Amino acid sequence: MCRYAETTYKVHYVCVPCRQSHKFPWDGAEHLCTRCREPMVFAGHDFAAPRKTNDSGWAAVAAVLGAGLRYEGFQFCGCGREPKYRPRTKAQVRVRRQLASRKGLSDSDALSLPDPADA
């Protein structure tokens, strides 16, 4: 049996307008932003928040979460962690959206591609 099987991990919740992230237990409850009191968005186990002054980074976070993607790579037993690719800048989001419009991909499929040339 895996030694991580019984560990409860906290997950990241994000408020994009306030540019805040917090870790809470994964309990299915609605967690409110401490600043604006709006519900926070579940971002996943592997989210790394950009600095508050990084406009390009937060635009990429908003695009990824808006497309219904999460920052995951977590396996529930805890044995393996391979974080999936997510764009980190506004330019990377723009390139992937252009690719989606040319090739007929959905927004979430295009944003999850590590290299746009592979599509």
PDB file of N, CA and C in Angstrom:
ATOM      1  N   MET A   1       0.841  -1.189   0.000  1.00  0.00           N
ATOM      2  CA  MET A   1       0.000   0.000   0.000  1.00  0.00           C
ATOM      3  C   MET A   1       0.878   1.242   0.000  1.00  0.00           C
ATOM      4  N   CYS A   2       0.449   2.196  -0.709  1.00  0.00           N
ATOM      5  CA  CYS A   2       1.193   3.445  -0.835  1.00  0.00           C
ATOM      6  C   CYS A   2       1.163   4.216   0.484  1.00  0.00           C
ATOM      7  N   ARG A   3       2.283   4.804   0.848  1.00  0.00           N
ATOM      8  CA  ARG A   3       2.323   5.533   2.118  1.00  0.00           C
ATOM      9  C   ARG A   3       1.567   6.858   2.065  1.00  0.00           C
ATOM     10  N   TYR A   4       1.255   7.337   0.843  1.00  0.00           N
ATOM     11  CA  TYR A   4       0.526   8.596   0.716  1.00  0.00           C
ATOM     12  C   TYR A   4      -0.983   8.397   0.587  1.00  0.00           C
ATOM     13  N   ALA A   5      -1.433   7.159   0.597  1.00  0.00           N
ATOM     14  CA  ALA A   5      -2.837   6.871   0.316  1.00  0.00           C
ATOM     15  C   ALA A   5      -3.777   7.472   1.352  1.00  0.00           C
ATOM     16  N   GLU A   6      -3.340   7.626   2.571  1.00  0.00           N
ATOM     17  CA  GLU A   6      -4.218   8.126   3.622  1.00  0.00           C
ATOM     18  C   GLU A   6      -3.988   9.589   3.965  1.00  0.00           C
ATOM     19  N   THR A   7      -3.127  10.257   3.216  1.00  0.00           N
ATOM     20  CA  THR A   7      -2.832  11.660   3.469  1.00  0.00           C
ATOM     21  C   THR A   7      -3.874  12.541   2.799  1.00  0.00           C
ATOM     22  N   THR A   8      -4.385  13.514   3.508  1.00  0.00           N
ATOM     23  CA  THR A   8      -5.318  14.480   2.928  1.00  0.00           C
ATOM     24  C   THR A   8      -4.522  15.697   2.473  1.00  0.00           C
ATOM     25  N   TYR A   9      -4.585  15.974   1.194  1.00  0.00           N
ATOM     26  CA  TYR A   9      -3.847  17.095   0.634  1.00  0.00           C
ATOM     27  C   TYR A   9      -4.740  18.328   0.554  1.00  0.00           C
ATOM     28  N   LYS A  10      -4.150  19.484   0.781  1.00  0.00           N
ATOM     29  CA  LYS A  10      -4.871  20.727   0.562  1.00  0.00           C
ATOM     30  C   LYS A  10      -4.702  21.121  -0.891  1.00  0.00           C
ATOM     31  N   VAL A  11      -5.694  21.802  -1.422  1.00  0.00           N
ATOM     32  CA  VAL A  11      -5.666  22.218  -2.821  1.00  0.00           C
ATOM     33  C   VAL A  11      -5.759  23.739  -2.899  1.00  0.00           C
ATOM     34  N   HIS A  12      -5.403  24.258  -4.062  1.00  0.00           N
ATOM     35  CA  HIS A  12      -5.379  25.704  -4.266  1.00  0.00           C
ATOM     36  C   HIS A  12      -6.734  26.212  -4.753  1.00  0.00           C
ATOM     37  N   TYR A  13      -7.157  27.307  -4.176  1.00  0.00           N
ATOM     38  CA  TYR A  13      -8.334  28.044  -4.626  1.00  0.00           C
ATOM     39  C   TYR A  13      -7.871  29.449  -4.978  1.00  0.00           C
ATOM     40  N   VAL A  14      -8.431  30.009  -6.056  1.00  0.00           N
ATOM     41  CA  VAL A  14      -7.940  31.270  -6.598  1.00  0.00           C
ATOM     42  C   VAL A  14      -9.071  32.262  -6.778  1.00  0.00           C
ATOM     43  N   CYS A  15      -8.783  33.522  -6.453  1.00  0.00           N
ATOM     44  CA  CYS A  15      -9.659  34.640  -6.811  1.00  0.00           C
ATOM     45  C   CYS A  15      -8.879  35.473  -7.817  1.00  0.00           C
ATOM     46  N   VAL A  16      -9.228  35.351  -9.097  1.00  0.00           N
ATOM     47  CA  VAL A  16      -8.478  36.023 -10.151  1.00  0.00           C
ATOM     48  C   VAL A  16      -8.609  37.546 -10.071  1.00  0.00           C
ATOM     49  N   PRO A  17      -9.802  38.117  -9.839  1.00  0.00           N
ATOM     50  CA  PRO A  17      -9.874  39.582  -9.767  1.00  0.00           C
ATOM     51  C   PRO A  17      -9.024  40.180  -8.646  1.00  0.00           C
ATOM     52  N   CYS A  18      -8.934  39.495  -7.516  1.00  0.00           N
ATOM     53  CA  CYS A  18      -8.124  39.998  -6.389  1.00  0.00           C
ATOM     54  C   CYS A  18      -6.678  39.527  -6.466  1.00  0.00           C
ATOM     55  N   ARG A  19      -6.401  38.588  -7.358  1.00  0.00           N
ATOM     56  CA  ARG A  19      -5.068  38.001  -7.512  1.00  0.00           C
ATOM     57  C   ARG A  19      -4.581  37.376  -6.205  1.00  0.00           C
ATOM     58  N   GLN A  20      -5.436  36.564  -5.624  1.00  0.00           N
ATOM     59  CA  GLN A  20      -5.101  35.871  -4.386  1.00  0.00           C
ATOM     60  C   GLN A  20      -5.316  34.383  -4.559  1.00  0.00           C
ATOM     61  N   SER A  21      -4.485  33.605  -3.872  1.00  0.00           N
ATOM     62  CA  SER A  21      -4.703  32.166  -3.832  1.00  0.00           C
ATOM     63  C   SER A  21      -4.486  31.685  -2.403  1.00  0.00           C
ATOM     64  N   HIS A  22      -5.261  30.687  -2.042  1.00  0.00           N
ATOM     65  CA  HIS A  22      -5.177  30.092  -0.704  1.00  0.00           C
ATOM     66  C   HIS A  22      -5.310  28.588  -0.844  1.00  0.00           C
ATOM     67  N   LYS A  23      -4.780  27.873   0.134  1.00  0.00           N
ATOM     68  CA  LYS A  23      -4.922  26.425   0.159  1.00  0.00           C
ATOM     69  C   LYS A  23      -5.935  26.050   1.229  1.00  0.00           C
ATOM     70  N   PHE A  24      -6.893  25.223   0.819  1.00  0.00           N
ATOM     71  CA  PHE A  24      -7.923  24.738   1.727  1.00  0.00           C
ATOM     72  C   PHE A  24      -8.043  23.232   1.548  1.00  0.00           C
ATOM     73  N   PRO A  25      -8.601  22.535   2.523  1.00  0.00           N
ATOM     74  CA  PRO A  25      -8.853  21.106   2.332  1.00  0.00           C
ATOM     75  C   PRO A  25      -9.831  20.887   1.173  1.00  0.00           C
ATOM     76  N   TRP A  26      -9.676  19.778   0.522  1.00  0.00           N
ATOM     77  CA  TRP A  26     -10.528  19.446  -0.612  1.00  0.00           C
ATOM     78  C   TRP A  26     -11.801  18.818  -0.075  1.00  0.00           C
ATOM     79  N   ASP A  27     -12.739  19.681   0.322  1.00  0.00           N
ATOM     80  CA  ASP A  27     -13.941  19.205   1.000  1.00  0.00           C
ATOM     81  C   ASP A  27     -15.229  19.488   0.230  1.00  0.00           C
ATOM     82  N   GLY A  28     -15.126  20.109  -0.928  1.00  0.00           N
ATOM     83  CA  GLY A  28     -16.313  20.383  -1.726  1.00  0.00           C
ATOM     84  C   GLY A  28     -17.090  21.605  -1.265  1.00  0.00           C
ATOM     85  N   ALA A  29     -16.638  22.247  -0.192  1.00  0.00           N
ATOM     86  CA  ALA A  29     -17.326  23.437   0.315  1.00  0.00           C
ATOM     87  C   ALA A  29     -16.956  24.651  -0.540  1.00  0.00           C
ATOM     88  N   GLU A  30     -17.783  25.657  -0.482  1.00  0.00           N
ATOM     89  CA  GLU A  30     -17.503  26.893  -1.187  1.00  0.00           C
ATOM     90  C   GLU A  30     -16.599  27.754  -0.307  1.00  0.00           C
ATOM     91  N   HIS A  31     -15.443  28.122  -0.845  1.00  0.00           N
ATOM     92  CA  HIS A  31     -14.497  28.955  -0.104  1.00  0.00           C
ATOM     93  C   HIS A  31     -14.563  30.371  -0.661  1.00  0.00           C
ATOM     94  N   LEU A  32     -14.687  31.342   0.226  1.00  0.00           N
ATOM     95  CA  LEU A  32     -14.828  32.730  -0.185  1.00  0.00           C
ATOM     96  C   LEU A  32     -13.487  33.456  -0.112  1.00  0.00           C
ATOM     97  N   CYS A  33     -13.303  34.391  -1.027  1.00  0.00           N
ATOM     98  CA  CYS A  33     -12.102  35.227  -1.035  1.00  0.00           C
ATOM     99  C   CYS A  33     -12.096  36.081   0.229  1.00  0.00           C
ATOM    100  N   THR A  34     -10.950  36.206   0.829  1.00  0.00           N
ATOM    101  CA  THR A  34     -10.853  36.990   2.064  1.00  0.00           C
ATOM    102  C   THR A  34     -10.942  38.484   1.804  1.00  0.00           C
ATOM    103  N   ARG A  35     -10.788  38.881   0.548  1.00  0.00           N
ATOM    104  CA  ARG A  35     -10.812  40.303   0.224  1.00  0.00           C
ATOM    105  C   ARG A  35     -12.171  40.772  -0.304  1.00  0.00           C
ATOM    106  N   CYS A  36     -12.701  40.056  -1.314  1.00  0.00           N
ATOM    107  CA  CYS A  36     -13.943  40.506  -1.948  1.00  0.00           C
ATOM    108  C   CYS A  36     -15.167  39.675  -1.554  1.00  0.00           C
ATOM    109  N   ARG A  37     -14.962  38.596  -0.822  1.00  0.00           N
ATOM    110  CA  ARG A  37     -16.019  37.705  -0.341  1.00  0.00           C
ATOM    111  C   ARG A  37     -16.776  37.004  -1.462  1.00  0.00           C
ATOM    112  N   GLU A  38     -16.196  36.914  -2.652  1.00  0.00           N
ATOM    113  CA  GLU A  38     -16.763  36.156  -3.763  1.00  0.00           C
ATOM    114  C   GLU A  38     -16.225  34.720  -3.694  1.00  0.00           C
ATOM    115  N   PRO A  39     -16.941  33.755  -4.273  1.00  0.00           N
ATOM    116  CA  PRO A  39     -16.442  32.369  -4.266  1.00  0.00           C
ATOM    117  C   PRO A  39     -15.130  32.247  -5.045  1.00  0.00           C
ATOM    118  N   MET A  40     -14.195  31.492  -4.486  1.00  0.00           N
ATOM    119  CA  MET A  40     -12.914  31.260  -5.134  1.00  0.00           C
ATOM    120  C   MET A  40     -13.037  30.058  -6.068  1.00  0.00           C
ATOM    121  N   VAL A  41     -12.191  30.012  -7.082  1.00  0.00           N
ATOM    122  CA  VAL A  41     -12.210  28.958  -8.089  1.00  0.00           C
ATOM    123  C   VAL A  41     -11.204  27.881  -7.699  1.00  0.00           C
ATOM    124  N   PHE A  42     -11.609  26.623  -7.825  1.00  0.00           N
ATOM    125  CA  PHE A  42     -10.715  25.505  -7.554  1.00  0.00           C
ATOM    126  C   PHE A  42      -9.671  25.448  -8.661  1.00  0.00           C
ATOM    127  N   ALA A  43      -8.376  25.559  -8.304  1.00  0.00           N
ATOM    128  CA  ALA A  43      -7.307  25.599  -9.299  1.00  0.00           C
ATOM    129  C   ALA A  43      -6.520  24.301  -9.390  1.00  0.00           C
ATOM    130  N   GLY A  44      -6.657  23.419  -8.431  1.00  0.00           N
ATOM    131  CA  GLY A  44      -5.952  22.143  -8.500  1.00  0.00           C
ATOM    132  C   GLY A  44      -4.833  22.032  -7.484  1.00  0.00           C
ATOM    133  N   HIS A  45      -4.123  20.918  -7.564  1.00  0.00           N
ATOM    134  CA  HIS A  45      -3.056  20.636  -6.608  1.00  0.00           C
ATOM    135  C   HIS A  45      -1.744  21.324  -6.959  1.00  0.00           C
ATOM    136  N   ASP A  46      -1.476  21.545  -8.246  1.00  0.00           N
ATOM    137  CA  ASP A  46      -0.166  22.005  -8.698  1.00  0.00           C
ATOM    138  C   ASP A  46      -0.141  23.462  -9.137  1.00  0.00           C
ATOM    139  N   PHE A  47      -1.032  24.263  -8.636  1.00  0.00           N
ATOM    140  CA  PHE A  47      -1.076  25.674  -9.016  1.00  0.00           C
ATOM    141  C   PHE A  47       0.057  26.442  -8.337  1.00  0.00           C
ATOM    142  N   ALA A  48       0.722  27.285  -9.108  1.00  0.00           N
ATOM    143  CA  ALA A  48       1.736  28.190  -8.570  1.00  0.00           C
ATOM    144  C   ALA A  48       1.321  29.593  -8.974  1.00  0.00           C
ATOM    145  N   ALA A  49       0.935  30.397  -8.008  1.00  0.00           N
ATOM    146  CA  ALA A  49       0.419  31.736  -8.296  1.00  0.00           C
ATOM    147  C   ALA A  49       1.534  32.658  -8.779  1.00  0.00           C
ATOM    148  N   PRO A  50       1.256  33.433  -9.840  1.00  0.00           N
ATOM    149  CA  PRO A  50       2.224  34.457 -10.246  1.00  0.00           C
ATOM    150  C   PRO A  50       2.212  35.610  -9.238  1.00  0.00           C
ATOM    151  N   ARG A  51       3.200  36.455  -9.314  1.00  0.00           N
ATOM    152  CA  ARG A  51       3.216  37.634  -8.442  1.00  0.00           C
ATOM    153  C   ARG A  51       2.018  38.522  -8.756  1.00  0.00           C
ATOM    154  N   LYS A  52       1.585  39.280  -7.768  1.00  0.00           N
ATOM    155  CA  LYS A  52       0.394  40.130  -7.965  1.00  0.00           C
ATOM    156  C   LYS A  52       0.587  41.165  -9.064  1.00  0.00           C
ATOM    157  N   THR A  53       1.826  41.593  -9.301  1.00  0.00           N
ATOM    158  CA  THR A  53       2.086  42.609 -10.316  1.00  0.00           C
ATOM    159  C   THR A  53       2.289  42.032 -11.713  1.00  0.00           C
ATOM    160  N   ASN A  54       2.258  40.712 -11.854  1.00  0.00           N
ATOM    161  CA  ASN A  54       2.481  40.049 -13.130  1.00  0.00           C
ATOM    162  C   ASN A  54       1.155  39.958 -13.900  1.00  0.00           C
ATOM    163  N   ASP A  55       0.868  40.994 -14.694  1.00  0.00           N
ATOM    164  CA  ASP A  55      -0.387  41.045 -15.445  1.00  0.00           C
ATOM    165  C   ASP A  55      -0.499  39.904 -16.458  1.00  0.00           C
ATOM    166  N   SER A  56       0.592  39.608 -17.139  1.00  0.00           N
ATOM    167  CA  SER A  56       0.581  38.552 -18.147  1.00  0.00           C
ATOM    168  C   SER A  56       0.322  37.187 -17.519  1.00  0.00           C
ATOM    169  N   GLY A  57       0.916  36.929 -16.382  1.00  0.00           N
ATOM    170  CA  GLY A  57       0.715  35.659 -15.692  1.00  0.00           C
ATOM    171  C   GLY A  57      -0.714  35.469 -15.224  1.00  0.00           C
ATOM    172  N   TRP A  58      -1.307  36.521 -14.678  1.00  0.00           N
ATOM    173  CA  TRP A  58      -2.695  36.417 -14.199  1.00  0.00           C
ATOM    174  C   TRP A  58      -3.679  36.323 -15.359  1.00  0.00           C
ATOM    175  N   ALA A  59      -3.336  36.931 -16.514  1.00  0.00           N
ATOM    176  CA  ALA A  59      -4.185  36.765 -17.699  1.00  0.00           C
ATOM    177  C   ALA A  59      -4.164  35.315 -18.158  1.00  0.00           C
ATOM    178  N   ALA A  60      -3.009  34.662 -18.074  1.00  0.00           N
ATOM    179  CA  ALA A  60      -2.912  33.248 -18.439  1.00  0.00           C
ATOM    180  C   ALA A  60      -3.691  32.380 -17.451  1.00  0.00           C
ATOM    181  N   VAL A  61      -3.610  32.692 -16.164  1.00  0.00           N
ATOM    182  CA  VAL A  61      -4.371  31.942 -15.154  1.00  0.00           C
ATOM    183  C   VAL A  61      -5.867  32.082 -15.417  1.00  0.00           C
ATOM    184  N   ALA A  62      -6.323  33.290 -15.720  1.00  0.00           N
ATOM    185  CA  ALA A  62      -7.742  33.520 -16.002  1.00  0.00           C
ATOM    186  C   ALA A  62      -8.179  32.735 -17.236  1.00  0.00           C
ATOM    187  N   ALA A  63      -7.332  32.676 -18.276  1.00  0.00           N
ATOM    188  CA  ALA A  63      -7.670  31.939 -19.495  1.00  0.00           C
ATOM    189  C   ALA A  63      -7.748  30.435 -19.219  1.00  0.00           C
ATOM    190  N   VAL A  64      -6.791  29.912 -18.455  1.00  0.00           N
ATOM    191  CA  VAL A  64      -6.769  28.478 -18.167  1.00  0.00           C
ATOM    192  C   VAL A  64      -7.983  28.080 -17.324  1.00  0.00           C
ATOM    193  N   LEU A  65      -8.250  28.820 -16.263  1.00  0.00           N
ATOM    194  CA  LEU A  65      -9.384  28.492 -15.404  1.00  0.00           C
ATOM    195  C   LEU A  65     -10.708  28.748 -16.120  1.00  0.00           C
ATOM    196  N   GLY A  66     -10.751  29.757 -16.977  1.00  0.00           N
ATOM    197  CA  GLY A  66     -11.949  30.050 -17.751  1.00  0.00           C
ATOM    198  C   GLY A  66     -12.265  28.970 -18.775  1.00  0.00           C
ATOM    199  N   ALA A  67     -11.244  28.268 -19.240  1.00  0.00           N
ATOM    200  CA  ALA A  67     -11.435  27.181 -20.203  1.00  0.00           C
ATOM    201  C   ALA A  67     -11.826  25.879 -19.511  1.00  0.00           C
ATOM    202  N   GLY A  68     -11.894  25.911 -18.191  1.00  0.00           N
ATOM    203  CA  GLY A  68     -12.293  24.716 -17.454  1.00  0.00           C
ATOM    204  C   GLY A  68     -11.138  23.794 -17.109  1.00  0.00           C
ATOM    205  N   LEU A  69      -9.907  24.236 -17.320  1.00  0.00           N
ATOM    206  CA  LEU A  69      -8.737  23.425 -16.992  1.00  0.00           C
ATOM    207  C   LEU A  69      -8.305  23.680 -15.554  1.00  0.00           C
ATOM    208  N   ARG A  70      -7.576  22.750 -15.013  1.00  0.00           N
ATOM    209  CA  ARG A  70      -7.018  22.877 -13.670  1.00  0.00           C
ATOM    210  C   ARG A  70      -5.531  22.606 -13.735  1.00  0.00           C
ATOM    211  N   TYR A  71      -4.827  23.024 -12.735  1.00  0.00           N
ATOM    212  CA  TYR A  71      -3.397  22.779 -12.626  1.00  0.00           C
ATOM    213  C   TYR A  71      -3.221  21.464 -11.865  1.00  0.00           C
ATOM    214  N   GLU A  72      -3.219  20.371 -12.604  1.00  0.00           N
ATOM    215  CA  GLU A  72      -3.164  19.042 -12.000  1.00  0.00           C
ATOM    216  C   GLU A  72      -2.031  18.225 -12.577  1.00  0.00           C
ATOM    217  N   GLY A  73      -1.661  17.245 -11.879  1.00  0.00           N
ATOM    218  CA  GLY A  73      -0.682  16.254 -12.257  1.00  0.00           C
ATOM    219  C   GLY A  73      -0.634  15.262 -11.119  1.00  0.00           C
ATOM    220  N   PHE A  74      -1.513  15.491 -10.182  1.00  0.00           N
ATOM    221  CA  PHE A  74      -1.576  14.737  -8.939  1.00  0.00           C
ATOM    222  C   PHE A  74      -2.268  13.404  -9.175  1.00  0.00           C
ATOM    223  N   GLN A  75      -1.655  12.331  -8.722  1.00  0.00           N
ATOM    224  CA  GLN A  75      -2.317  11.033  -8.727  1.00  0.00           C
ATOM    225  C   GLN A  75      -2.822  10.781  -7.323  1.00  0.00           C
ATOM    226  N   PHE A  76      -4.012  10.260  -7.200  1.00  0.00           N
ATOM    227  CA  PHE A  76      -4.662  10.187  -5.900  1.00  0.00           C
ATOM    228  C   PHE A  76      -3.934   9.312  -4.893  1.00  0.00           C
ATOM    229  N   CYS A  77      -3.141   8.354  -5.351  1.00  0.00           N
ATOM    230  CA  CYS A  77      -2.394   7.556  -4.378  1.00  0.00           C
ATOM    231  C   CYS A  77      -1.186   8.336  -3.875  1.00  0.00           C
ATOM    232  N   GLY A  78      -0.757   9.364  -4.598  1.00  0.00           N
ATOM    233  CA  GLY A  78       0.362  10.188  -4.169  1.00  0.00           C
ATOM    234  C   GLY A  78       1.707   9.696  -4.659  1.00  0.00           C
ATOM    235  N   CYS A  79       1.734   8.587  -5.382  1.00  0.00           N
ATOM    236  CA  CYS A  79       3.017   8.006  -5.814  1.00  0.00           C
ATOM    237  C   CYS A  79       3.670   8.815  -6.932  1.00  0.00           C
ATOM    238  N   GLY A  80       2.902   9.347  -7.823  1.00  0.00           N
ATOM    239  CA  GLY A  80       3.475  10.029  -8.968  1.00  0.00           C
ATOM    240  C   GLY A  80       2.912  11.423  -9.147  1.00  0.00           C
ATOM    241  N   ARG A  81       3.760  12.285  -9.653  1.00  0.00           N
ATOM    242  CA  ARG A  81       3.328  13.650  -9.925  1.00  0.00           C
ATOM    243  C   ARG A  81       3.979  14.099 -11.221  1.00  0.00           C
ATOM    244  N   GLU A  82       3.193  14.230 -12.246  1.00  0.00           N
ATOM    245  CA  GLU A  82       3.663  14.789 -13.494  1.00  0.00           C
ATOM    246  C   GLU A  82       2.727  15.924 -13.860  1.00  0.00           C
ATOM    247  N   PRO A  83       3.051  17.139 -13.451  1.00  0.00           N
ATOM    248  CA  PRO A  83       2.154  18.263 -13.762  1.00  0.00           C
ATOM    249  C   PRO A  83       1.960  18.421 -15.262  1.00  0.00           C
ATOM    250  N   LYS A  84       0.745  18.632 -15.658  1.00  0.00           N
ATOM    251  CA  LYS A  84       0.429  18.828 -17.062  1.00  0.00           C
ATOM    252  C   LYS A  84       0.786  20.256 -17.456  1.00  0.00           C
ATOM    253  N   TYR A  85       1.026  20.465 -18.751  1.00  0.00           N
ATOM    254  CA  TYR A  85       1.418  21.783 -19.233  1.00  0.00           C
ATOM    255  C   TYR A  85       0.249  22.760 -19.145  1.00  0.00           C
ATOM    256  N   ARG A  86       0.529  23.961 -18.715  1.00  0.00           N
ATOM    257  CA  ARG A  86      -0.403  25.086 -18.754  1.00  0.00           C
ATOM    258  C   ARG A  86       0.389  26.329 -19.152  1.00  0.00           C
ATOM    259  N   PRO A  87      -0.172  27.198 -20.010  1.00  0.00           N
ATOM    260  CA  PRO A  87       0.553  28.414 -20.401  1.00  0.00           C
ATOM    261  C   PRO A  87       0.779  29.334 -19.201  1.00  0.00           C
ATOM    262  N   ARG A  88       1.903  30.031 -19.214  1.00  0.00           N
ATOM    263  CA  ARG A  88       2.265  30.892 -18.095  1.00  0.00           C
ATOM    264  C   ARG A  88       2.236  32.384 -18.448  1.00  0.00           C
ATOM    265  N   THR A  89       2.112  32.715 -19.748  1.00  0.00           N
ATOM    266  CA  THR A  89       2.095  34.116 -20.161  1.00  0.00           C
ATOM    267  C   THR A  89       0.941  34.369 -21.127  1.00  0.00           C
ATOM    268  N   LYS A  90       0.629  35.629 -21.288  1.00  0.00           N
ATOM    269  CA  LYS A  90      -0.428  36.029 -22.213  1.00  0.00           C
ATOM    270  C   LYS A  90      -0.058  35.681 -23.657  1.00  0.00           C
ATOM    271  N   ALA A  91       1.234  35.768 -23.990  1.00  0.00           N
ATOM    272  CA  ALA A  91       1.690  35.441 -25.338  1.00  0.00           C
ATOM    273  C   ALA A  91       1.481  33.955 -25.642  1.00  0.00           C
ATOM    274  N   GLN A  92       1.753  33.085 -24.682  1.00  0.00           N
ATOM    275  CA  GLN A  92       1.532  31.659 -24.886  1.00  0.00           C
ATOM    276  C   GLN A  92       0.049  31.348 -25.076  1.00  0.00           C
ATOM    277  N   VAL A  93      -0.804  32.036 -24.345  1.00  0.00           N
ATOM    278  CA  VAL A  93      -2.253  31.857 -24.512  1.00  0.00           C
ATOM    279  C   VAL A  93      -2.675  32.311 -25.906  1.00  0.00           C
ATOM    280  N   ARG A  94      -2.160  33.451 -26.350  1.00  0.00           N
ATOM    281  CA  ARG A  94      -2.514  33.995 -27.669  1.00  0.00           C
ATOM    282  C   ARG A  94      -2.111  33.021 -28.786  1.00  0.00           C
ATOM    283  N   VAL A  95      -0.898  32.456 -28.712  1.00  0.00           N
ATOM    284  CA  VAL A  95      -0.436  31.521 -29.736  1.00  0.00           C
ATOM    285  C   VAL A  95      -1.325  30.287 -29.777  1.00  0.00           C
ATOM    286  N   ARG A  96      -1.699  29.778 -28.622  1.00  0.00           N
ATOM    287  CA  ARG A  96      -2.519  28.575 -28.583  1.00  0.00           C
ATOM    288  C   ARG A  96      -3.953  28.843 -29.042  1.00  0.00           C
ATOM    289  N   ARG A  97      -4.461  30.026 -28.782  1.00  0.00           N
ATOM    290  CA  ARG A  97      -5.807  30.355 -29.278  1.00  0.00           C
ATOM    291  C   ARG A  97      -5.807  30.547 -30.790  1.00  0.00           C
ATOM    292  N   GLN A  98      -4.734  31.113 -31.339  1.00  0.00           N
ATOM    293  CA  GLN A  98      -4.620  31.228 -32.796  1.00  0.00           C
ATOM    294  C   GLN A  98      -4.578  29.843 -33.433  1.00  0.00           C
ATOM    295  N   LEU A  99      -3.838  28.943 -32.812  1.00  0.00           N
ATOM    296  CA  LEU A  99      -3.763  27.569 -33.297  1.00  0.00           C
ATOM    297  C   LEU A  99      -5.136  26.899 -33.249  1.00  0.00           C
ATOM    298  N   ALA A 100      -5.872  27.147 -32.179  1.00  0.00           N
ATOM    299  CA  ALA A 100      -7.203  26.555 -32.039  1.00  0.00           C
ATOM    300  C   ALA A 100      -8.130  27.034 -33.149  1.00  0.00           C
ATOM    301  N   SER A 101      -8.063  28.311 -33.489  1.00  0.00           N
ATOM    302  CA  SER A 101      -8.939  28.826 -34.539  1.00  0.00           C
ATOM    303  C   SER A 101      -8.545  28.294 -35.914  1.00  0.00           C
ATOM    304  N   ARG A 102      -7.250  28.089 -36.156  1.00  0.00           N
ATOM    305  CA  ARG A 102      -6.806  27.561 -37.451  1.00  0.00           C
ATOM    306  C   ARG A 102      -7.101  26.081 -37.610  1.00  0.00           C
ATOM    307  N   LYS A 103      -6.912  25.308 -36.565  1.00  0.00           N
ATOM    308  CA  LYS A 103      -7.032  23.849 -36.660  1.00  0.00           C
ATOM    309  C   LYS A 103      -8.363  23.315 -36.167  1.00  0.00           C
ATOM    310  N   GLY A 104      -9.230  24.174 -35.674  1.00  0.00           N
ATOM    311  CA  GLY A 104     -10.545  23.727 -35.230  1.00  0.00           C
ATOM    312  C   GLY A 104     -10.530  23.017 -33.886  1.00  0.00           C
ATOM    313  N   LEU A 105      -9.563  23.316 -33.048  1.00  0.00           N
ATOM    314  CA  LEU A 105      -9.484  22.717 -31.713  1.00  0.00           C
ATOM    315  C   LEU A 105     -10.327  23.521 -30.729  1.00  0.00           C
ATOM    316  N   SER A 106     -10.722  22.869 -29.662  1.00  0.00           N
ATOM    317  CA  SER A 106     -11.408  23.611 -28.605  1.00  0.00           C
ATOM    318  C   SER A 106     -10.375  24.422 -27.818  1.00  0.00           C
ATOM    319  N   ASP A 107     -10.851  25.410 -27.111  1.00  0.00           N
ATOM    320  CA  ASP A 107      -9.970  26.281 -26.333  1.00  0.00           C
ATOM    321  C   ASP A 107      -9.200  25.481 -25.281  1.00  0.00           C
ATOM    322  N   SER A 108      -9.874  24.567 -24.601  1.00  0.00           N
ATOM    323  CA  SER A 108      -9.204  23.789 -23.559  1.00  0.00           C
ATOM    324  C   SER A 108      -8.162  22.840 -24.147  1.00  0.00           C
ATOM    325  N   ASP A 109      -8.434  22.272 -25.324  1.00  0.00           N
ATOM    326  CA  ASP A 109      -7.438  21.400 -25.961  1.00  0.00           C
ATOM    327  C   ASP A 109      -6.203  22.192 -26.375  1.00  0.00           C
ATOM    328  N   ALA A 110      -6.409  23.367 -26.930  1.00  0.00           N
ATOM    329  CA  ALA A 110      -5.283  24.173 -27.372  1.00  0.00           C
ATOM    330  C   ALA A 110      -4.445  24.682 -26.201  1.00  0.00           C
ATOM    331  N   LEU A 111      -5.097  25.036 -25.087  1.00  0.00           N
ATOM    332  CA  LEU A 111      -4.351  25.547 -23.943  1.00  0.00           C
ATOM    333  C   LEU A 111      -3.581  24.454 -23.209  1.00  0.00           C
ATOM    334  N   SER A 112      -3.927  23.213 -23.437  1.00  0.00           N
ATOM    335  CA  SER A 112      -3.222  22.126 -22.752  1.00  0.00           C
ATOM    336  C   SER A 112      -2.084  21.550 -23.584  1.00  0.00           C
ATOM    337  N   LEU A 113      -1.848  22.080 -24.793  1.00  0.00           N
ATOM    338  CA  LEU A 113      -0.756  21.602 -25.627  1.00  0.00           C
ATOM    339  C   LEU A 113       0.578  22.173 -25.162  1.00  0.00           C
ATOM    340  N   PRO A 114       1.577  21.324 -24.912  1.00  0.00           N
ATOM    341  CA  PRO A 114       2.869  21.856 -24.506  1.00  0.00           C
ATOM    342  C   PRO A 114       3.587  22.568 -25.655  1.00  0.00           C
ATOM    343  N   ASP A 115       3.438  22.057 -26.869  1.00  0.00           N
ATOM    344  CA  ASP A 115       4.081  22.679 -28.022  1.00  0.00           C
ATOM    345  C   ASP A 115       3.049  22.806 -29.137  1.00  0.00           C
ATOM    346  N   PRO A 116       2.748  24.032 -29.563  1.00  0.00           N
ATOM    347  CA  PRO A 116       1.722  24.217 -30.582  1.00  0.00           C
ATOM    348  C   PRO A 116       2.050  23.520 -31.905  1.00  0.00           C
ATOM    349  N   ALA A 117       3.312  23.257 -32.180  1.00  0.00           N
ATOM    350  CA  ALA A 117       3.684  22.616 -33.429  1.00  0.00           C
ATOM    351  C   ALA A 117       3.267  21.145 -33.459  1.00  0.00           C
ATOM    352  N   ASP A 118       2.977  20.541 -32.312  1.00  0.00           N
ATOM    353  CA  ASP A 118       2.601  19.133 -32.248  1.00  0.00           C
ATOM    354  C   ASP A 118       1.149  18.887 -32.663  1.00  0.00           C
ATOM    355  N   ALA A 119       0.348  19.919 -32.772  1.00  0.00           N
ATOM    356  CA  ALA A 119      -1.085  19.729 -33.061  1.00  0.00           C
ATOM    357  C   ALA A 119      -1.341  19.361 -34.499  1.00  0.00           C
TER     358      ALA A 119
END
